[in-house]
Amino acid sequence: MESPSYFGEVDIDGHSGDLTVRLRAEGGKVLFSKVLRPGRVGQ
């Protein structure tokens, strides 16, 4: 039995600085997505 394959993808928006991380299944379907926005530590 073959286990499923997953891969990660990272995108940085050059204008806003937002960093988007995605976990995708082998066929390209997004399983999880998280947007991290730039800011100061502790705020």
N, C-alpha and C. Protein backbone atom coordinates (compact mmCIF):
# COMPACT_ATOMS: atom_id res chain seq x y z
N MET A 1 0.84 -1.18 0.00
CA MET A 1 0.00 0.00 0.00
C MET A 1 0.89 1.25 0.00
N GLU A 2 0.65 2.13 -0.94
CA GLU A 2 1.45 3.34 -1.07
C GLU A 2 0.85 4.46 -0.23
N SER A 3 1.69 5.15 0.52
CA SER A 3 1.19 6.25 1.34
C SER A 3 1.00 7.50 0.48
N PRO A 4 0.05 8.36 0.85
CA PRO A 4 -0.20 9.57 0.06
C PRO A 4 0.98 10.53 0.11
N SER A 5 1.11 11.32 -0.95
CA SER A 5 2.19 12.31 -1.02
C SER A 5 1.61 13.70 -0.78
N TYR A 6 2.35 14.50 -0.02
CA TYR A 6 1.96 15.87 0.27
C TYR A 6 3.15 16.77 -0.02
N PHE A 7 2.87 18.05 -0.28
CA PHE A 7 3.97 18.99 -0.44
C PHE A 7 3.54 20.36 0.06
N GLY A 8 4.53 21.15 0.46
CA GLY A 8 4.27 22.49 0.97
C GLY A 8 4.57 23.54 -0.06
N GLU A 9 3.93 24.67 0.10
CA GLU A 9 4.09 25.80 -0.81
C GLU A 9 4.12 27.07 0.03
N VAL A 10 5.03 27.98 -0.29
CA VAL A 10 5.14 29.25 0.42
C VAL A 10 5.08 30.38 -0.60
N ASP A 11 4.27 31.40 -0.32
CA ASP A 11 4.13 32.55 -1.21
C ASP A 11 4.27 33.83 -0.38
N ILE A 12 5.09 34.76 -0.84
CA ILE A 12 5.25 36.04 -0.16
C ILE A 12 4.74 37.14 -1.09
N ASP A 13 3.76 37.90 -0.60
CA ASP A 13 3.20 39.01 -1.37
C ASP A 13 4.18 40.18 -1.28
N GLY A 14 4.69 40.63 -2.42
CA GLY A 14 5.68 41.69 -2.46
C GLY A 14 5.15 43.04 -2.02
N HIS A 15 3.85 43.25 -2.11
CA HIS A 15 3.27 44.54 -1.72
C HIS A 15 2.97 44.59 -0.23
N SER A 16 2.24 43.60 0.28
CA SER A 16 1.81 43.62 1.69
C SER A 16 2.81 42.96 2.63
N GLY A 17 3.65 42.06 2.08
CA GLY A 17 4.58 41.31 2.92
C GLY A 17 3.96 40.08 3.55
N ASP A 18 2.67 39.81 3.25
CA ASP A 18 2.00 38.62 3.79
C ASP A 18 2.70 37.36 3.29
N LEU A 19 2.86 36.40 4.19
CA LEU A 19 3.45 35.12 3.84
C LEU A 19 2.35 34.08 3.95
N THR A 20 2.06 33.37 2.87
CA THR A 20 1.03 32.34 2.85
C THR A 20 1.70 30.98 2.72
N VAL A 21 1.34 30.07 3.63
CA VAL A 21 1.87 28.71 3.62
C VAL A 21 0.70 27.77 3.33
N ARG A 22 0.92 26.83 2.41
CA ARG A 22 -0.13 25.87 2.05
C ARG A 22 0.43 24.45 2.08
N LEU A 23 -0.39 23.52 2.54
CA LEU A 23 -0.09 22.10 2.45
C LEU A 23 -1.02 21.54 1.40
N ARG A 24 -0.44 20.90 0.39
CA ARG A 24 -1.23 20.38 -0.72
C ARG A 24 -1.09 18.87 -0.83
N ALA A 25 -2.17 18.25 -1.30
CA ALA A 25 -2.15 16.82 -1.61
C ALA A 25 -1.51 16.63 -2.98
N GLU A 26 -1.20 15.41 -3.30
CA GLU A 26 -0.52 15.08 -4.56
C GLU A 26 -1.21 15.67 -5.78
N GLY A 27 -2.53 15.71 -5.81
CA GLY A 27 -3.27 16.24 -6.95
C GLY A 27 -3.36 17.76 -6.98
N GLY A 28 -2.85 18.43 -5.95
CA GLY A 28 -2.86 19.88 -5.92
C GLY A 28 -3.91 20.49 -5.00
N LYS A 29 -4.80 19.66 -4.45
CA LYS A 29 -5.85 20.16 -3.55
C LYS A 29 -5.22 20.73 -2.28
N VAL A 30 -5.66 21.94 -1.87
CA VAL A 30 -5.15 22.57 -0.66
C VAL A 30 -5.80 21.91 0.55
N LEU A 31 -4.96 21.37 1.44
CA LEU A 31 -5.45 20.71 2.66
C LEU A 31 -5.43 21.67 3.84
N PHE A 32 -4.50 22.61 3.83
CA PHE A 32 -4.35 23.56 4.93
C PHE A 32 -3.69 24.81 4.38
N SER A 33 -4.13 25.97 4.87
CA SER A 33 -3.53 27.23 4.45
C SER A 33 -3.48 28.17 5.65
N LYS A 34 -2.39 28.92 5.77
CA LYS A 34 -2.23 29.88 6.86
C LYS A 34 -1.53 31.11 6.31
N VAL A 35 -2.09 32.31 6.61
CA VAL A 35 -1.49 33.57 6.21
C VAL A 35 -0.86 34.21 7.43
N LEU A 36 0.41 34.57 7.32
CA LEU A 36 1.13 35.26 8.38
C LEU A 36 1.40 36.66 7.91
N ARG A 37 1.01 37.63 8.72
CA ARG A 37 1.18 39.03 8.35
C ARG A 37 2.36 39.63 9.11
N PRO A 38 3.15 40.48 8.46
CA PRO A 38 4.29 41.08 9.13
C PRO A 38 3.83 42.02 10.25
N GLY A 39 4.62 42.11 11.27
CA GLY A 39 4.29 43.00 12.38
C GLY A 39 5.45 43.02 13.34
N ARG A 40 5.29 43.76 14.36
CA ARG A 40 6.34 43.85 15.37
C ARG A 40 6.16 42.75 16.41
N VAL A 41 7.24 42.24 16.91
CA VAL A 41 7.21 41.17 17.91
C VAL A 41 6.53 41.71 19.17
N GLY A 42 5.61 40.91 19.72
CA GLY A 42 4.94 41.28 20.95
C GLY A 42 3.67 42.09 20.75
N GLN A 43 3.29 42.34 19.51
CA GLN A 43 2.06 43.09 19.28
C GLN A 43 1.00 42.22 18.67
